[in-house]
Amino acid sequence: SVKGRFTISRDNAENTMYLQMNSLKPEDTAVYYCNARAGHFVWKQND
């Protein structure tokens, strides 16, 4: 639903993730949440 309109990126120097949203539509209306999956081991990851 967002391909071609949204772009996700990361800036490691600033420890920041971005979502550039262009050509917005009314159906894009929502609360947007940032998520990170972290952990040093594949078998122990946390959201």
All heavy atoms as atom14 arrays in JSON, in Angstrom:
{
  "sequence": "SVKGRFTISRDNAENTMYLQMNSLKPEDTAVYYCNARAGHFVWKQND",
  "atom14_mask": [
    [1, 1, 1, 1, 1, 1, 0, 0, 0, 0, 0, 0, 0, 0],
    [1, 1, 1, 1, 1, 1, 1, 0, 0, 0, 0, 0, 0, 0],
    [1, 1, 1, 1, 1, 1, 1, 1, 1, 0, 0, 0, 0, 0],
    [1, 1, 1, 1, 0, 0, 0, 0, 0, 0, 0, 0, 0, 0],
    [1, 1, 1, 1, 1, 1, 1, 1, 1, 1, 1, 0, 0, 0],
    [1, 1, 1, 1, 1, 1, 1, 1, 1, 1, 1, 0, 0, 0],
    [1, 1, 1, 1, 1, 1, 1, 0, 0, 0, 0, 0, 0, 0],
    [1, 1, 1, 1, 1, 1, 1, 1, 0, 0, 0, 0, 0, 0],
    [1, 1, 1, 1, 1, 1, 0, 0, 0, 0, 0, 0, 0, 0],
    [1, 1, 1, 1, 1, 1, 1, 1, 1, 1, 1, 0, 0, 0],
    [1, 1, 1, 1, 1, 1, 1, 1, 0, 0, 0, 0, 0, 0],
    [1, 1, 1, 1, 1, 1, 1, 1, 0, 0, 0, 0, 0, 0],
    [1, 1, 1, 1, 1, 0, 0, 0, 0, 0, 0, 0, 0, 0],
    [1, 1, 1, 1, 1, 1, 1, 1, 1, 0, 0, 0, 0, 0],
    [1, 1, 1, 1, 1, 1, 1, 1, 0, 0, 0, 0, 0, 0],
    [1, 1, 1, 1, 1, 1, 1, 0, 0, 0, 0, 0, 0, 0],
    [1, 1, 1, 1, 1, 1, 1, 1, 0, 0, 0, 0, 0, 0],
    [1, 1, 1, 1, 1, 1, 1, 1, 1, 1, 1, 1, 0, 0],
    [1, 1, 1, 1, 1, 1, 1, 1, 0, 0, 0, 0, 0, 0],
    [1, 1, 1, 1, 1, 1, 1, 1, 1, 0, 0, 0, 0, 0],
    [1, 1, 1, 1, 1, 1, 1, 1, 0, 0, 0, 0, 0, 0],
    [1, 1, 1, 1, 1, 1, 1, 1, 0, 0, 0, 0, 0, 0],
    [1, 1, 1, 1, 1, 1, 0, 0, 0, 0, 0, 0, 0, 0],
    [1, 1, 1, 1, 1, 1, 1, 1, 0, 0, 0, 0, 0, 0],
    [1, 1, 1, 1, 1, 1, 1, 1, 1, 0, 0, 0, 0, 0],
    [1, 1, 1, 1, 1, 1, 1, 0, 0, 0, 0, 0, 0, 0],
    [1, 1, 1, 1, 1, 1, 1, 1, 1, 0, 0, 0, 0, 0],
    [1, 1, 1, 1, 1, 1, 1, 1, 0, 0, 0, 0, 0, 0],
    [1, 1, 1, 1, 1, 1, 1, 0, 0, 0, 0, 0, 0, 0],
    [1, 1, 1, 1, 1, 0, 0, 0, 0, 0, 0, 0, 0, 0],
    [1, 1, 1, 1, 1, 1, 1, 0, 0, 0, 0, 0, 0, 0],
    [1, 1, 1, 1, 1, 1, 1, 1, 1, 1, 1, 1, 0, 0],
    [1, 1, 1, 1, 1, 1, 1, 1, 1, 1, 1, 1, 0, 0],
    [1, 1, 1, 1, 1, 1, 0, 0, 0, 0, 0, 0, 0, 0],
    [1, 1, 1, 1, 1, 1, 1, 1, 0, 0, 0, 0, 0, 0],
    [1, 1, 1, 1, 1, 0, 0, 0, 0, 0, 0, 0, 0, 0],
    [1, 1, 1, 1, 1, 1, 1, 1, 1, 1, 1, 0, 0, 0],
    [1, 1, 1, 1, 1, 0, 0, 0, 0, 0, 0, 0, 0, 0],
    [1, 1, 1, 1, 0, 0, 0, 0, 0, 0, 0, 0, 0, 0],
    [1, 1, 1, 1, 1, 1, 1, 1, 1, 1, 0, 0, 0, 0],
    [1, 1, 1, 1, 1, 1, 1, 1, 1, 1, 1, 0, 0, 0],
    [1, 1, 1, 1, 1, 1, 1, 0, 0, 0, 0, 0, 0, 0],
    [1, 1, 1, 1, 1, 1, 1, 1, 1, 1, 1, 1, 1, 1],
    [1, 1, 1, 1, 1, 1, 1, 1, 1, 0, 0, 0, 0, 0],
    [1, 1, 1, 1, 1, 1, 1, 1, 1, 0, 0, 0, 0, 0],
    [1, 1, 1, 1, 1, 1, 1, 1, 0, 0, 0, 0, 0, 0],
    [1, 1, 1, 1, 1, 1, 1, 1, 0, 0, 0, 0, 0, 0]
  ],
  "atom14_positions": [
    [[0.79, -1.22, 0.0], [0.0, 0.0, 0.0], [0.83, 1.28, 0.0], [0.31, 2.36, -0.32], [-0.95, 0.01, 1.2], [-0.22, -0.06, 2.42], [0.0, 0.0, 0.0], [0.0, 0.0, 0.0], [0.0, 0.0, 0.0], [0.0, 0.0, 0.0], [0.0, 0.0, 0.0], [0.0, 0.0, 0.0], [0.0, 0.0, 0.0], [0.0, 0.0, 0.0]],
    [[2.13, 1.19, 0.35], [2.96, 2.38, 0.43], [4.14, 2.36, -0.54], [4.88, 3.35, -0.62], [3.49, 2.61, 1.86], [2.33, 2.63, 2.86], [4.51, 1.55, 2.24], [0.0, 0.0, 0.0], [0.0, 0.0, 0.0], [0.0, 0.0, 0.0], [0.0, 0.0, 0.0], [0.0, 0.0, 0.0], [0.0, 0.0, 0.0], [0.0, 0.0, 0.0]],
    [[4.31, 1.29, -1.28], [5.42, 1.19, -2.22], [5.37, 2.33, -3.23], [4.33, 2.63, -3.79], [5.41, -0.15, -2.94], [5.87, -1.32, -2.1], [5.86, -2.62, -2.9], [6.36, -3.78, -2.07], [6.29, -5.06, -2.82], [0.0, 0.0, 0.0], [0.0, 0.0, 0.0], [0.0, 0.0, 0.0], [0.0, 0.0, 0.0], [0.0, 0.0, 0.0]],
    [[6.52, 2.94, -3.46], [6.61, 4.03, -4.4], [6.29, 5.38, -3.8], [6.53, 6.41, -4.44], [0.0, 0.0, 0.0], [0.0, 0.0, 0.0], [0.0, 0.0, 0.0], [0.0, 0.0, 0.0], [0.0, 0.0, 0.0], [0.0, 0.0, 0.0], [0.0, 0.0, 0.0], [0.0, 0.0, 0.0], [0.0, 0.0, 0.0], [0.0, 0.0, 0.0]],
    [[5.74, 5.39, -2.58], [5.36, 6.65, -1.93], [6.17, 6.91, -0.66], [6.48, 8.05, -0.36], [3.88, 6.65, -1.59], [2.97, 6.5, -2.8], [1.5, 6.71, -2.42], [1.03, 5.72, -1.45], [0.57, 6.01, -0.24], [0.5, 7.28, 0.16], [0.14, 5.05, 0.56], [0.0, 0.0, 0.0], [0.0, 0.0, 0.0], [0.0, 0.0, 0.0]],
    [[6.48, 5.85, 0.09], [7.2, 5.98, 1.36], [8.63, 5.47, 1.2], [8.89, 4.53, 0.44], [6.53, 5.16, 2.46], [5.19, 5.67, 2.92], [4.52, 6.67, 2.23], [4.61, 5.13, 4.05], [3.29, 7.14, 2.66], [3.37, 5.59, 4.49], [2.71, 6.59, 3.79], [0.0, 0.0, 0.0], [0.0, 0.0, 0.0], [0.0, 0.0, 0.0]],
    [[9.55, 6.06, 1.94], [10.94, 5.63, 1.96], [11.44, 5.56, 3.4], [11.35, 6.54, 4.13], [11.85, 6.58, 1.16], [11.39, 6.68, -0.19], [13.29, 6.06, 1.16], [0.0, 0.0, 0.0], [0.0, 0.0, 0.0], [0.0, 0.0, 0.0], [0.0, 0.0, 0.0], [0.0, 0.0, 0.0], [0.0, 0.0, 0.0], [0.0, 0.0, 0.0]],
    [[11.96, 4.4, 3.8], [12.52, 4.22, 5.13], [14.03, 4.34, 5.04], [14.65, 3.89, 4.08], [12.1, 2.86, 5.73], [12.5, 2.77, 7.21], [12.65, 1.7, 4.93], [11.94, 1.54, 7.92], [0.0, 0.0, 0.0], [0.0, 0.0, 0.0], [0.0, 0.0, 0.0], [0.0, 0.0, 0.0], [0.0, 0.0, 0.0], [0.0, 0.0, 0.0]],
    [[14.64, 4.95, 6.04], [16.09, 5.13, 6.06], [16.6, 5.19, 7.49], [15.82, 5.35, 8.44], [16.5, 6.39, 5.29], [15.95, 7.55, 5.89], [0.0, 0.0, 0.0], [0.0, 0.0, 0.0], [0.0, 0.0, 0.0], [0.0, 0.0, 0.0], [0.0, 0.0, 0.0], [0.0, 0.0, 0.0], [0.0, 0.0, 0.0], [0.0, 0.0, 0.0]],
    [[17.92, 5.06, 7.64], [18.56, 5.13, 8.96], [19.78, 6.03, 8.89], [20.48, 6.06, 7.89], [18.99, 3.74, 9.44], [17.87, 2.76, 9.65], [18.4, 1.38, 9.98], [19.03, 1.31, 11.29], [19.43, 0.19, 11.88], [19.27, -0.98, 11.25], [20.0, 0.21, 13.07], [0.0, 0.0, 0.0], [0.0, 0.0, 0.0], [0.0, 0.0, 0.0]],
    [[20.01, 6.76, 9.98], [21.2, 7.58, 10.13], [21.89, 7.1, 11.4], [21.5, 7.48, 12.5], [20.84, 9.05, 10.23], [22.06, 9.95, 10.28], [23.14, 9.48, 10.63], [21.92, 11.15, 9.94], [0.0, 0.0, 0.0], [0.0, 0.0, 0.0], [0.0, 0.0, 0.0], [0.0, 0.0, 0.0], [0.0, 0.0, 0.0], [0.0, 0.0, 0.0]],
    [[22.9, 6.25, 11.24], [23.56, 5.66, 12.4], [24.29, 6.7, 13.25], [24.39, 6.55, 14.47], [24.54, 4.58, 11.95], [23.85, 3.35, 11.41], [22.73, 3.03, 11.81], [24.51, 2.65, 10.5], [0.0, 0.0, 0.0], [0.0, 0.0, 0.0], [0.0, 0.0, 0.0], [0.0, 0.0, 0.0], [0.0, 0.0, 0.0], [0.0, 0.0, 0.0]],
    [[24.81, 7.74, 12.61], [25.52, 8.78, 13.35], [24.59, 9.5, 14.32], [25.02, 9.93, 15.39], [26.16, 9.78, 12.39], [0.0, 0.0, 0.0], [0.0, 0.0, 0.0], [0.0, 0.0, 0.0], [0.0, 0.0, 0.0], [0.0, 0.0, 0.0], [0.0, 0.0, 0.0], [0.0, 0.0, 0.0], [0.0, 0.0, 0.0], [0.0, 0.0, 0.0]],
    [[23.33, 9.63, 13.95], [22.35, 10.31, 14.8], [21.46, 9.33, 15.55], [20.58, 9.76, 16.31], [21.48, 11.24, 13.96], [22.25, 12.36, 13.28], [22.77, 13.37, 14.26], [22.17, 13.53, 15.35], [23.78, 14.02, 13.96], [0.0, 0.0, 0.0], [0.0, 0.0, 0.0], [0.0, 0.0, 0.0], [0.0, 0.0, 0.0], [0.0, 0.0, 0.0]],
    [[21.67, 8.03, 15.35], [20.85, 6.99, 15.99], [19.36, 7.23, 15.73], [18.53, 7.14, 16.64], [21.13, 6.94, 17.49], [22.56, 6.62, 17.8], [23.18, 5.79, 17.13], [23.11, 7.25, 18.82], [0.0, 0.0, 0.0], [0.0, 0.0, 0.0], [0.0, 0.0, 0.0], [0.0, 0.0, 0.0], [0.0, 0.0, 0.0], [0.0, 0.0, 0.0]],
    [[19.05, 7.52, 14.48], [17.7, 7.9, 14.12], [17.23, 7.16, 12.86], [18.01, 6.97, 11.93], [17.6, 9.41, 13.88], [18.04, 10.11, 15.05], [16.17, 9.82, 13.57], [0.0, 0.0, 0.0], [0.0, 0.0, 0.0], [0.0, 0.0, 0.0], [0.0, 0.0, 0.0], [0.0, 0.0, 0.0], [0.0, 0.0, 0.0], [0.0, 0.0, 0.0]],
    [[15.97, 6.76, 12.87], [15.33, 6.16, 11.7], [14.28, 7.13, 11.19], [13.63, 7.83, 11.97], [14.69, 4.82, 12.08], [13.95, 4.15, 10.92], [13.22, 2.56, 11.37], [11.96, 3.07, 12.55], [0.0, 0.0, 0.0], [0.0, 0.0, 0.0], [0.0, 0.0, 0.0], [0.0, 0.0, 0.0], [0.0, 0.0, 0.0], [0.0, 0.0, 0.0]],
    [[14.1, 7.15, 9.87], [13.16, 8.08, 9.26], [12.17, 7.34, 8.37], [12.45, 6.27, 7.84], [13.89, 9.11, 8.4], [14.92, 9.92, 9.15], [16.26, 9.56, 9.13], [14.55, 11.05, 9.87], [17.21, 10.3, 9.81], [15.49, 11.79, 10.55], [16.82, 11.42, 10.52], [17.75, 12.16, 11.21], [0.0, 0.0, 0.0], [0.0, 0.0, 0.0]],
    [[11.01, 7.95, 8.2], [10.05, 7.5, 7.22], [9.58, 8.71, 6.44], [8.85, 9.55, 6.96], [8.85, 6.8, 7.88], [7.83, 6.21, 6.91], [8.43, 5.03, 6.15], [6.56, 5.77, 7.65], [0.0, 0.0, 0.0], [0.0, 0.0, 0.0], [0.0, 0.0, 0.0], [0.0, 0.0, 0.0], [0.0, 0.0, 0.0], [0.0, 0.0, 0.0]],
    [[10.06, 8.82, 5.2], [9.63, 9.89, 4.32], [8.35, 9.46, 3.64], [8.33, 8.44, 2.94], [10.71, 10.21, 3.28], [10.33, 11.3, 2.29], [10.17, 12.65, 2.94], [11.02, 13.06, 3.73], [9.09, 13.34, 2.64], [0.0, 0.0, 0.0], [0.0, 0.0, 0.0], [0.0, 0.0, 0.0], [0.0, 0.0, 0.0], [0.0, 0.0, 0.0]],
    [[7.29, 10.22, 3.81], [5.98, 9.87, 3.27], [5.57, 10.93, 2.26], [5.37, 12.1, 2.61], [4.94, 9.76, 4.39], [5.33, 8.79, 5.49], [4.02, 8.55, 6.72], [3.99, 10.2, 7.45], [0.0, 0.0, 0.0], [0.0, 0.0, 0.0], [0.0, 0.0, 0.0], [0.0, 0.0, 0.0], [0.0, 0.0, 0.0], [0.0, 0.0, 0.0]],
    [[5.44, 10.52, 1.01], [5.03, 11.41, -0.06], [3.7, 10.95, -0.64], [3.27, 9.82, -0.43], [6.08, 11.44, -1.17], [7.42, 11.96, -0.72], [7.5, 12.85, 0.12], [8.5, 11.41, -1.28], [0.0, 0.0, 0.0], [0.0, 0.0, 0.0], [0.0, 0.0, 0.0], [0.0, 0.0, 0.0], [0.0, 0.0, 0.0], [0.0, 0.0, 0.0]],
    [[3.05, 11.83, -1.38], [1.76, 11.52, -2.01], [0.79, 10.9, -1.02], [0.15, 9.88, -1.29], [1.98, 10.59, -3.21], [2.86, 11.17, -4.15], [0.0, 0.0, 0.0], [0.0, 0.0, 0.0], [0.0, 0.0, 0.0], [0.0, 0.0, 0.0], [0.0, 0.0, 0.0], [0.0, 0.0, 0.0], [0.0, 0.0, 0.0], [0.0, 0.0, 0.0]],
    [[0.67, 11.52, 0.13], [-0.16, 10.97, 1.2], [-1.63, 10.91, 0.81], [-2.14, 11.79, 0.1], [0.01, 11.78, 2.47], [1.32, 11.51, 3.22], [1.63, 12.62, 4.21], [1.23, 10.16, 3.94], [0.0, 0.0, 0.0], [0.0, 0.0, 0.0], [0.0, 0.0, 0.0], [0.0, 0.0, 0.0], [0.0, 0.0, 0.0], [0.0, 0.0, 0.0]],
    [[-2.28, 9.86, 1.28], [-3.69, 9.63, 1.03], [-4.46, 9.6, 2.35], [-3.88, 9.3, 3.39], [-3.88, 8.29, 0.31], [-3.1, 8.13, -0.98], [-3.26, 6.72, -1.53], [-2.47, 6.55, -2.82], [-2.61, 5.17, -3.35], [0.0, 0.0, 0.0], [0.0, 0.0, 0.0], [0.0, 0.0, 0.0], [0.0, 0.0, 0.0], [0.0, 0.0, 0.0]],
    [[-5.76, 9.88, 2.33], [-6.54, 9.81, 3.57], [-6.43, 8.47, 4.27], [-6.46, 8.42, 5.51], [-7.97, 10.09, 3.09], [-7.79, 10.96, 1.89], [-6.56, 10.42, 1.21], [0.0, 0.0, 0.0], [0.0, 0.0, 0.0], [0.0, 0.0, 0.0], [0.0, 0.0, 0.0], [0.0, 0.0, 0.0], [0.0, 0.0, 0.0], [0.0, 0.0, 0.0]],
    [[-6.29, 7.39, 3.52], [-6.17, 6.07, 4.13], [-4.84, 5.85, 4.84], [-4.66, 4.83, 5.51], [-6.4, 4.96, 3.09], [-5.58, 5.12, 1.81], [-6.37, 5.77, 0.69], [-7.06, 6.77, 0.95], [-6.29, 5.28, -0.45], [0.0, 0.0, 0.0], [0.0, 0.0, 0.0], [0.0, 0.0, 0.0], [0.0, 0.0, 0.0], [0.0, 0.0, 0.0]],
    [[-3.91, 6.78, 4.72], [-2.67, 6.73, 5.47], [-2.84, 7.24, 6.9], [-1.92, 7.14, 7.71], [-1.56, 7.53, 4.78], [-1.17, 6.95, 3.43], [-1.07, 5.71, 3.32], [-0.95, 7.74, 2.49], [0.0, 0.0, 0.0], [0.0, 0.0, 0.0], [0.0, 0.0, 0.0], [0.0, 0.0, 0.0], [0.0, 0.0, 0.0], [0.0, 0.0, 0.0]],
    [[-3.99, 7.82, 7.2], [-4.26, 8.35, 8.52], [-4.18, 7.25, 9.57], [-4.87, 6.23, 9.46], [-5.64, 9.02, 8.57], [-5.65, 10.15, 7.7], [-5.97, 9.48, 9.98], [0.0, 0.0, 0.0], [0.0, 0.0, 0.0], [0.0, 0.0, 0.0], [0.0, 0.0, 0.0], [0.0, 0.0, 0.0], [0.0, 0.0, 0.0], [0.0, 0.0, 0.0]],
    [[-3.34, 7.44, 10.58], [-3.13, 6.43, 11.61], [-2.13, 6.96, 12.63], [-1.51, 8.0, 12.42], [-2.59, 5.13, 11.01], [0.0, 0.0, 0.0], [0.0, 0.0, 0.0], [0.0, 0.0, 0.0], [0.0, 0.0, 0.0], [0.0, 0.0, 0.0], [0.0, 0.0, 0.0], [0.0, 0.0, 0.0], [0.0, 0.0, 0.0], [0.0, 0.0, 0.0]],
    [[-2.0, 6.23, 13.73], [-0.9, 6.46, 14.65], [0.26, 5.61, 14.16], [0.11, 4.4, 13.96], [-1.26, 6.1, 16.1], [-0.04, 6.28, 17.01], [-2.41, 6.96, 16.59], [0.0, 0.0, 0.0], [0.0, 0.0, 0.0], [0.0, 0.0, 0.0], [0.0, 0.0, 0.0], [0.0, 0.0, 0.0], [0.0, 0.0, 0.0], [0.0, 0.0, 0.0]],
    [[1.4, 6.23, 13.96], [2.58, 5.53, 13.46], [3.54, 5.24, 14.61], [3.86, 6.12, 15.4], [3.28, 6.36, 12.38], [2.56, 6.33, 11.06], [1.34, 6.98, 10.9], [3.09, 5.63, 9.98], [0.66, 6.93, 9.69], [2.42, 5.58, 8.76], [1.21, 6.23, 8.62], [0.54, 6.17, 7.42], [0.0, 0.0, 0.0], [0.0, 0.0, 0.0]],
    [[3.99, 3.98, 14.68], [4.85, 3.53, 15.76], [6.2, 3.07, 15.24], [6.29, 2.37, 14.23], [4.21, 2.35, 16.5], [2.93, 2.67, 17.21], [1.7, 2.52, 16.59], [2.95, 3.13, 18.53], [0.52, 2.81, 17.24], [1.78, 3.42, 19.19], [0.56, 3.26, 18.55], [-0.6, 3.55, 19.21], [0.0, 0.0, 0.0], [0.0, 0.0, 0.0]],
    [[7.24, 3.45, 15.92], [8.59, 2.98, 15.66], [8.82, 1.68, 16.4], [8.42, 1.54, 17.56], [9.6, 4.04, 16.11], [11.33, 3.58, 15.91], [0.0, 0.0, 0.0], [0.0, 0.0, 0.0], [0.0, 0.0, 0.0], [0.0, 0.0, 0.0], [0.0, 0.0, 0.0], [0.0, 0.0, 0.0], [0.0, 0.0, 0.0], [0.0, 0.0, 0.0]],
    [[9.45, 0.71, 15.74], [9.76, -0.58, 16.34], [11.22, -0.94, 16.12], [11.78, -0.67, 15.05], [8.86, -1.67, 15.74], [9.32, -3.07, 16.1], [10.04, -3.72, 15.35], [8.9, -3.54, 17.27], [0.0, 0.0, 0.0], [0.0, 0.0, 0.0], [0.0, 0.0, 0.0], [0.0, 0.0, 0.0], [0.0, 0.0, 0.0], [0.0, 0.0, 0.0]],
    [[11.82, -1.54, 17.12], [13.18, -2.04, 16.99], [13.26, -3.44, 17.58], [12.72, -3.7, 18.65], [14.17, -1.12, 17.7], [0.0, 0.0, 0.0], [0.0, 0.0, 0.0], [0.0, 0.0, 0.0], [0.0, 0.0, 0.0], [0.0, 0.0, 0.0], [0.0, 0.0, 0.0], [0.0, 0.0, 0.0], [0.0, 0.0, 0.0], [0.0, 0.0, 0.0]],
    [[13.91, -4.34, 16.86], [14.17, -5.68, 17.36], [15.65, -5.75, 17.69], [16.5, -5.54, 16.82], [13.78, -6.74, 16.33], [14.07, -8.16, 16.77], [13.28, -9.16, 15.96], [11.85, -9.09, 16.3], [10.91, -9.86, 15.76], [11.25, -10.75, 14.84], [9.66, -9.72, 16.13], [0.0, 0.0, 0.0], [0.0, 0.0, 0.0], [0.0, 0.0, 0.0]],
    [[15.95, -6.05, 18.95], [17.32, -5.97, 19.42], [17.72, -7.2, 20.2], [16.9, -7.83, 20.88], [17.51, -4.73, 20.29], [0.0, 0.0, 0.0], [0.0, 0.0, 0.0], [0.0, 0.0, 0.0], [0.0, 0.0, 0.0], [0.0, 0.0, 0.0], [0.0, 0.0, 0.0], [0.0, 0.0, 0.0], [0.0, 0.0, 0.0], [0.0, 0.0, 0.0]],
    [[19.0, -7.53, 20.13], [19.56, -8.65, 20.86], [20.87, -9.1, 20.26], [21.09, -8.96, 19.06], [0.0, 0.0, 0.0], [0.0, 0.0, 0.0], [0.0, 0.0, 0.0], [0.0, 0.0, 0.0], [0.0, 0.0, 0.0], [0.0, 0.0, 0.0], [0.0, 0.0, 0.0], [0.0, 0.0, 0.0], [0.0, 0.0, 0.0], [0.0, 0.0, 0.0]],
    [[21.74, -9.61, 21.1], [23.05, -10.07, 20.64], [23.0, -11.48, 20.07], [23.95, -11.9, 19.39], [24.05, -10.02, 21.79], [24.37, -8.64, 22.26], [25.05, -7.74, 21.48], [24.08, -8.01, 23.42], [25.18, -6.6, 22.13], [24.6, -6.75, 23.31], [0.0, 0.0, 0.0], [0.0, 0.0, 0.0], [0.0, 0.0, 0.0], [0.0, 0.0, 0.0]],
    [[21.92, -12.22, 20.34], [21.8, -13.6, 19.89], [20.51, -13.8, 19.12], [19.46, -13.23, 19.47], [21.84, -14.57, 21.09], [23.05, -14.38, 21.96], [22.97, -13.68, 23.14], [24.27, -14.92, 21.58], [24.08, -13.5, 23.95], [25.39, -14.75, 22.38], [25.3, -14.04, 23.56], [0.0, 0.0, 0.0], [0.0, 0.0, 0.0], [0.0, 0.0, 0.0]],
    [[20.57, -14.63, 18.09], [19.41, -14.89, 17.25], [18.26, -15.46, 18.08], [17.09, -15.15, 17.82], [19.78, -15.85, 16.11], [18.53, -16.26, 15.32], [20.8, -15.22, 15.18], [0.0, 0.0, 0.0], [0.0, 0.0, 0.0], [0.0, 0.0, 0.0], [0.0, 0.0, 0.0], [0.0, 0.0, 0.0], [0.0, 0.0, 0.0], [0.0, 0.0, 0.0]],
    [[18.58, -16.28, 19.08], [17.56, -16.95, 19.86], [17.04, -16.11, 21.02], [16.2, -16.58, 21.79], [18.09, -18.28, 20.39], [19.34, -18.17, 21.22], [19.43, -18.01, 22.55], [20.68, -18.23, 20.73], [20.74, -17.96, 22.95], [21.54, -18.09, 21.84], [21.25, -18.38, 19.46], [22.93, -18.09, 21.73], [22.64, -18.39, 19.34], [23.46, -18.25, 20.47]],
    [[17.54, -14.91, 21.17], [17.06, -14.03, 22.22], [16.97, -12.6, 21.69], [17.88, -11.8, 21.86], [17.95, -14.08, 23.46], [17.35, -13.37, 24.66], [18.2, -13.54, 25.9], [17.57, -12.86, 27.1], [18.39, -13.0, 28.32], [0.0, 0.0, 0.0], [0.0, 0.0, 0.0], [0.0, 0.0, 0.0], [0.0, 0.0, 0.0], [0.0, 0.0, 0.0]],
    [[15.86, -12.31, 21.05], [15.58, -10.99, 20.51], [14.37, -10.39, 21.24], [13.45, -11.09, 21.62], [15.29, -11.05, 19.01], [16.45, -11.57, 18.18], [17.56, -10.56, 18.05], [17.34, -9.42, 17.63], [18.77, -10.96, 18.42], [0.0, 0.0, 0.0], [0.0, 0.0, 0.0], [0.0, 0.0, 0.0], [0.0, 0.0, 0.0], [0.0, 0.0, 0.0]],
    [[14.38, -9.08, 21.4], [13.29, -8.37, 22.06], [12.8, -7.23, 21.18], [13.58, -6.59, 20.48], [13.73, -7.83, 23.41], [14.08, -8.92, 24.4], [13.23, -9.74, 24.74], [15.32, -8.94, 24.85], [0.0, 0.0, 0.0], [0.0, 0.0, 0.0], [0.0, 0.0, 0.0], [0.0, 0.0, 0.0], [0.0, 0.0, 0.0], [0.0, 0.0, 0.0]],
    [[11.5, -7.0, 21.23], [10.88, -5.9, 20.49], [10.68, -4.7, 21.4], [10.21, -4.84, 22.53], [9.55, -6.32, 19.89], [9.71, -7.16, 18.65], [10.55, -6.82, 17.8], [8.97, -8.16, 18.52], [0.0, 0.0, 0.0], [0.0, 0.0, 0.0], [0.0, 0.0, 0.0], [0.0, 0.0, 0.0], [0.0, 0.0, 0.0], [0.0, 0.0, 0.0]]
  ]
}
